[in-house]
C-alpha atoms as a PDB file:
ATOM      1  CA  MET A   1       6.522 -18.406   4.266  1.00  0.00           C
ATOM      2  CA  ASN A   2       6.928 -18.862   8.107  1.00  0.00           C
ATOM      3  CA  ARG A   3       6.064 -15.606   9.733  1.00  0.00           C
ATOM      4  CA  LYS A   4       3.078 -13.167   9.194  1.00  0.00           C
ATOM      5  CA  LEU A   5       3.205 -10.809   6.411  1.00  0.00           C
ATOM      6  CA  ARG A   6       3.122  -7.668   7.645  1.00  0.00           C
ATOM      7  CA  ILE A   7       1.768  -4.703   5.946  1.00  0.00           C
ATOM      8  CA  LEU A   8       1.654  -0.879   6.731  1.00  0.00           C
ATOM      9  CA  MET A   9      -1.500   0.742   5.759  1.00  0.00           C
ATOM     10  CA  ALA A  10      -1.148   4.153   5.156  1.00  0.00           C
ATOM     11  CA  LYS A  11      -2.977   7.342   3.652  1.00  0.00           C
ATOM     12  CA  PRO A  12      -0.938   9.452   2.010  1.00  0.00           C
ATOM     13  CA  GLY A  13      -1.929  13.313   2.150  1.00  0.00           C
ATOM     14  CA  LEU A  14      -4.874  15.079   2.594  1.00  0.00           C
ATOM     15  CA  ASP A  15      -7.375  12.024   1.623  1.00  0.00           C
ATOM     16  CA  GLY A  16      -9.857  12.659   5.240  1.00  0.00           C
ATOM     17  CA  HIS A  17     -11.642   9.469   4.242  1.00  0.00           C
ATOM     18  CA  ASP A  18     -10.173   6.597   5.728  1.00  0.00           C
ATOM     19  CA  ARG A  19     -13.105   3.863   6.328  1.00  0.00           C
ATOM     20  CA  GLY A  20     -12.132   1.800   3.288  1.00  0.00           C
ATOM     21  CA  ALA A  21      -8.700   1.977   4.751  1.00  0.00           C
ATOM     22  CA  LYS A  22      -9.833   0.359   7.940  1.00  0.00           C
ATOM     23  CA  VAL A  23     -12.014  -2.029   6.124  1.00  0.00           C
ATOM     24  CA  ILE A  24      -8.933  -3.376   4.256  1.00  0.00           C
ATOM     25  CA  ALA A  25      -6.968  -3.739   7.263  1.00  0.00           C
ATOM     26  CA  ARG A  26      -9.192  -5.395   9.006  1.00  0.00           C
ATOM     27  CA  THR A  27      -9.333  -8.123   6.006  1.00  0.00           C
ATOM     28  CA  PHE A  28      -6.027  -8.608   6.395  1.00  0.00           C
ATOM     29  CA  ARG A  29      -5.807  -8.843   9.786  1.00  0.00           C
ATOM     30  CA  ASP A  30      -8.773 -11.232   9.500  1.00  0.00           C
ATOM     31  CA  ALA A  31      -6.646 -13.608   7.401  1.00  0.00           C
ATOM     32  CA  GLY A  32      -3.458 -14.141   9.697  1.00  0.00           C
ATOM     33  CA  MET A  33      -1.514 -10.901   8.258  1.00  0.00           C
ATOM     34  CA  GLU A  34       0.292  -7.977  11.119  1.00  0.00           C
ATOM     35  CA  VAL A  35      -1.148  -4.429   9.960  1.00  0.00           C
ATOM     36  CA  VAL A  36       0.183  -1.362  11.068  1.00  0.00           C
ATOM     37  CA  TYR A  37      -2.342   1.673  10.578  1.00  0.00           C
ATOM     38  CA  THR A  38      -0.189   4.807  10.281  1.00  0.00           C
ATOM     39  CA  GLY A  39      -3.779   7.484   9.794  1.00  0.00           C
ATOM     40  CA  LEU A  40      -4.554  10.253   7.716  1.00  0.00           C
ATOM     41  CA  HIS A  41      -2.365  12.649   6.232  1.00  0.00           C
ATOM     42  CA  GLN A  42       0.765  11.046   5.934  1.00  0.00           C
ATOM     43  CA  THR A  43       3.858  12.111   3.942  1.00  0.00           C
ATOM     44  CA  PRO A  44       5.566   9.997   1.720  1.00  0.00           C
ATOM     45  CA  GLU A  45       8.623  10.547   4.154  1.00  0.00           C
ATOM     46  CA  GLN A  46       6.455   9.222   6.821  1.00  0.00           C
ATOM     47  CA  ILE A  47       5.505   6.070   4.921  1.00  0.00           C
ATOM     48  CA  VAL A  48       8.713   4.910   3.663  1.00  0.00           C
ATOM     49  CA  ALA A  49      10.238   5.579   7.232  1.00  0.00           C
ATOM     50  CA  GLY A  50       7.311   3.815   9.081  1.00  0.00           C
ATOM     51  CA  ALA A  51       7.950   0.758   6.653  1.00  0.00           C
ATOM     52  CA  ILE A  52      11.417   0.488   7.382  1.00  0.00           C
ATOM     53  CA  GLN A  53      11.156   0.946  11.275  1.00  0.00           C
ATOM     54  CA  GLU A  54       8.216  -1.354  11.151  1.00  0.00           C
ATOM     55  CA  SER A  55      10.299  -3.829   9.232  1.00  0.00           C
ATOM     56  CA  VAL A  56       7.393  -4.631   6.717  1.00  0.00           C
ATOM     57  CA  ASP A  57       6.934  -6.395   3.824  1.00  0.00           C
ATOM     58  CA  VAL A  58       4.130  -4.446   1.966  1.00  0.00           C
ATOM     59  CA  ILE A  59       3.173  -1.001   1.933  1.00  0.00           C
ATOM     60  CA  ALA A  60      -0.546  -0.833   1.296  1.00  0.00           C
ATOM     61  CA  LEU A  61      -1.674   3.162   0.037  1.00  0.00           C
ATOM     62  CA  SER A  62      -5.132   3.944  -0.059  1.00  0.00           C
ATOM     63  CA  ILE A  63      -5.516   7.274  -1.994  1.00  0.00           C
ATOM     64  CA  LEU A  64      -8.691   8.713  -3.026  1.00  0.00           C
ATOM     65  CA  SER A  65      -7.824  12.271  -3.546  1.00  0.00           C
ATOM     66  CA  GLY A  66      -6.573  11.615  -7.093  1.00  0.00           C
ATOM     67  CA  ALA A  67      -2.510  12.492  -6.063  1.00  0.00           C
ATOM     68  CA  HIS A  68      -1.870   8.700  -5.886  1.00  0.00           C
ATOM     69  CA  MET A  69       0.968   9.864  -9.084  1.00  0.00           C
ATOM     70  CA  SER A  70       3.014  11.780  -7.151  1.00  0.00           C
ATOM     71  CA  ALA A  71       2.532   9.855  -3.775  1.00  0.00           C
ATOM     72  CA  CYS A  72       3.279   6.818  -5.531  1.00  0.00           C
ATOM     73  CA  ARG A  73       6.295   8.409  -6.923  1.00  0.00           C
ATOM     74  CA  LYS A  74       7.633  10.044  -3.775  1.00  0.00           C
ATOM     75  CA  VAL A  75       7.245   6.605  -1.942  1.00  0.00           C
ATOM     76  CA  MET A  76       8.751   4.444  -4.580  1.00  0.00           C
ATOM     77  CA  GLN A  77      11.647   7.123  -4.653  1.00  0.00           C
ATOM     78  CA  GLY A  78      12.243   7.182  -0.733  1.00  0.00           C
ATOM     79  CA  LEU A  79      12.258   3.483  -0.370  1.00  0.00           C
ATOM     80  CA  ALA A  80      14.946   3.376  -3.368  1.00  0.00           C
ATOM     81  CA  GLN A  81      17.038   5.997  -1.099  1.00  0.00           C
ATOM     82  CA  LYS A  82      17.206   3.959   1.713  1.00  0.00           C
ATOM     83  CA  GLY A  83      17.554   0.988   0.066  1.00  0.00           C
ATOM     84  CA  ALA A  84      14.155  -0.671   0.708  1.00  0.00           C
ATOM     85  CA  GLU A  85      13.012  -1.485  -2.733  1.00  0.00           C
ATOM     86  CA  ASP A  86      12.370  -5.096  -1.877  1.00  0.00           C
ATOM     87  CA  ILE A  87       9.111  -3.762   0.111  1.00  0.00           C
ATOM     88  CA  THR A  88       5.874  -4.855  -1.950  1.00  0.00           C
ATOM     89  CA  VAL A  89       4.036  -1.561  -2.716  1.00  0.00           C
ATOM     90  CA  ILE A  90       0.072  -1.957  -3.377  1.00  0.00           C
ATOM     91  CA  VAL A  91      -1.966   0.892  -3.716  1.00  0.00           C
ATOM     92  CA  GLY A  92      -5.894   1.267  -3.934  1.00  0.00           C
ATOM     93  CA  GLY A  93      -8.840   3.857  -4.402  1.00  0.00           C
ATOM     94  CA  THR A  94      -9.396   6.326  -6.836  1.00  0.00           C
ATOM     95  CA  ILE A  95      -7.039   5.114  -9.831  1.00  0.00           C
ATOM     96  CA  LEU A  96      -7.649   6.313 -13.446  1.00  0.00           C
ATOM     97  CA  GLU A  97      -7.366   2.898 -15.390  1.00  0.00           C
ATOM     98  CA  GLN A  98      -5.007   4.981 -17.570  1.00  0.00           C
ATOM     99  CA  ASP A  99      -2.480   5.859 -14.498  1.00  0.00           C
ATOM    100  CA  ILE A 100      -2.440   1.998 -13.891  1.00  0.00           C
ATOM    101  CA  PRO A 101       0.769   1.294 -16.498  1.00  0.00           C
ATOM    102  CA  GLU A 102       2.319   3.773 -15.432  1.00  0.00           C
ATOM    103  CA  LEU A 103       2.353   3.082 -11.038  1.00  0.00           C
ATOM    104  CA  LYS A 104       3.145  -0.321 -12.229  1.00  0.00           C
ATOM    105  CA  ALA A 105       6.143   1.153 -14.481  1.00  0.00           C
ATOM    106  CA  MET A 106       7.256   3.333 -10.963  1.00  0.00           C
ATOM    107  CA  GLY A 107       7.496   0.156  -9.299  1.00  0.00           C
ATOM    108  CA  VAL A 108       3.756  -0.303  -7.456  1.00  0.00           C
ATOM    109  CA  ALA A 109       3.143  -4.007  -7.524  1.00  0.00           C
ATOM    110  CA  GLU A 110      -0.516  -4.000  -8.052  1.00  0.00           C
ATOM    111  CA  VAL A 111      -3.937  -1.391  -8.154  1.00  0.00           C
ATOM    112  CA  PHE A 112      -6.979  -1.897  -6.651  1.00  0.00           C
ATOM    113  CA  THR A 113      -9.643   0.232  -7.954  1.00  0.00           C
ATOM    114  CA  PRO A 114     -13.393   0.813  -7.248  1.00  0.00           C
ATOM    115  CA  GLY A 115     -15.457  -2.446  -7.016  1.00  0.00           C
ATOM    116  CA  ALA A 116     -12.824  -4.502  -6.850  1.00  0.00           C
ATOM    117  CA  PRO A 117     -13.892  -7.020  -3.971  1.00  0.00           C
ATOM    118  CA  LEU A 118     -12.553  -7.323  -0.534  1.00  0.00           C
ATOM    119  CA  GLU A 119     -10.304 -10.218  -1.529  1.00  0.00           C
ATOM    120  CA  ALA A 120      -8.490  -9.418  -4.535  1.00  0.00           C
ATOM    121  CA  GLY A 121      -5.822  -7.521  -1.946  1.00  0.00           C
ATOM    122  CA  LEU A 122      -5.997 -10.904  -0.252  1.00  0.00           C
ATOM    123  CA  ASP A 123      -5.209 -13.148  -3.086  1.00  0.00           C
ATOM    124  CA  PHE A 124      -2.839 -10.812  -4.683  1.00  0.00           C
ATOM    125  CA  LEU A 125      -0.616 -10.595  -1.242  1.00  0.00           C
ATOM    126  CA  ARG A 126      -1.197 -14.600  -1.047  1.00  0.00           C
ATOM    127  CA  LYS A 127       0.235 -14.881  -3.685  1.00  0.00           C
ATOM    128  CA  GLN A 128       3.197 -12.571  -3.380  1.00  0.00           C
ATOM    129  CA  SER A 129       4.340 -14.182  -0.326  1.00  0.00           C
ATOM    130  CA  GLN A 130       4.337 -17.807  -1.739  1.00  0.00           C
ATOM    131  CA  SER A 131       7.056 -17.019  -4.850  1.00  0.00           C
END
């Protein structure tokens, strides 16, 4: 890839904890990626619109509230409605292991659960950008 990977980091819903999202955003930035952080309390519609407006390659959702199934479903549907299915979606946070297969079936590229090393998302995105 000849240009920097562009990532939209978003916190959907009512989750008010964003320290982890900021740490991940900083990790991506330190690795040379461009990161747009939308802040707290974003709707799926705002996330999709922001991703398209910013011409990002990746949407990184940070979800600790337990609303990952509905938030991801709405983001994936919004991307499909806007013809932006080429945007990779990754999710991190408090995600139940049994929900991961369904998230991936929706089109989520990868899921990072608590305890995943900081480099896991970075390594995944580097591999994605090379393929």
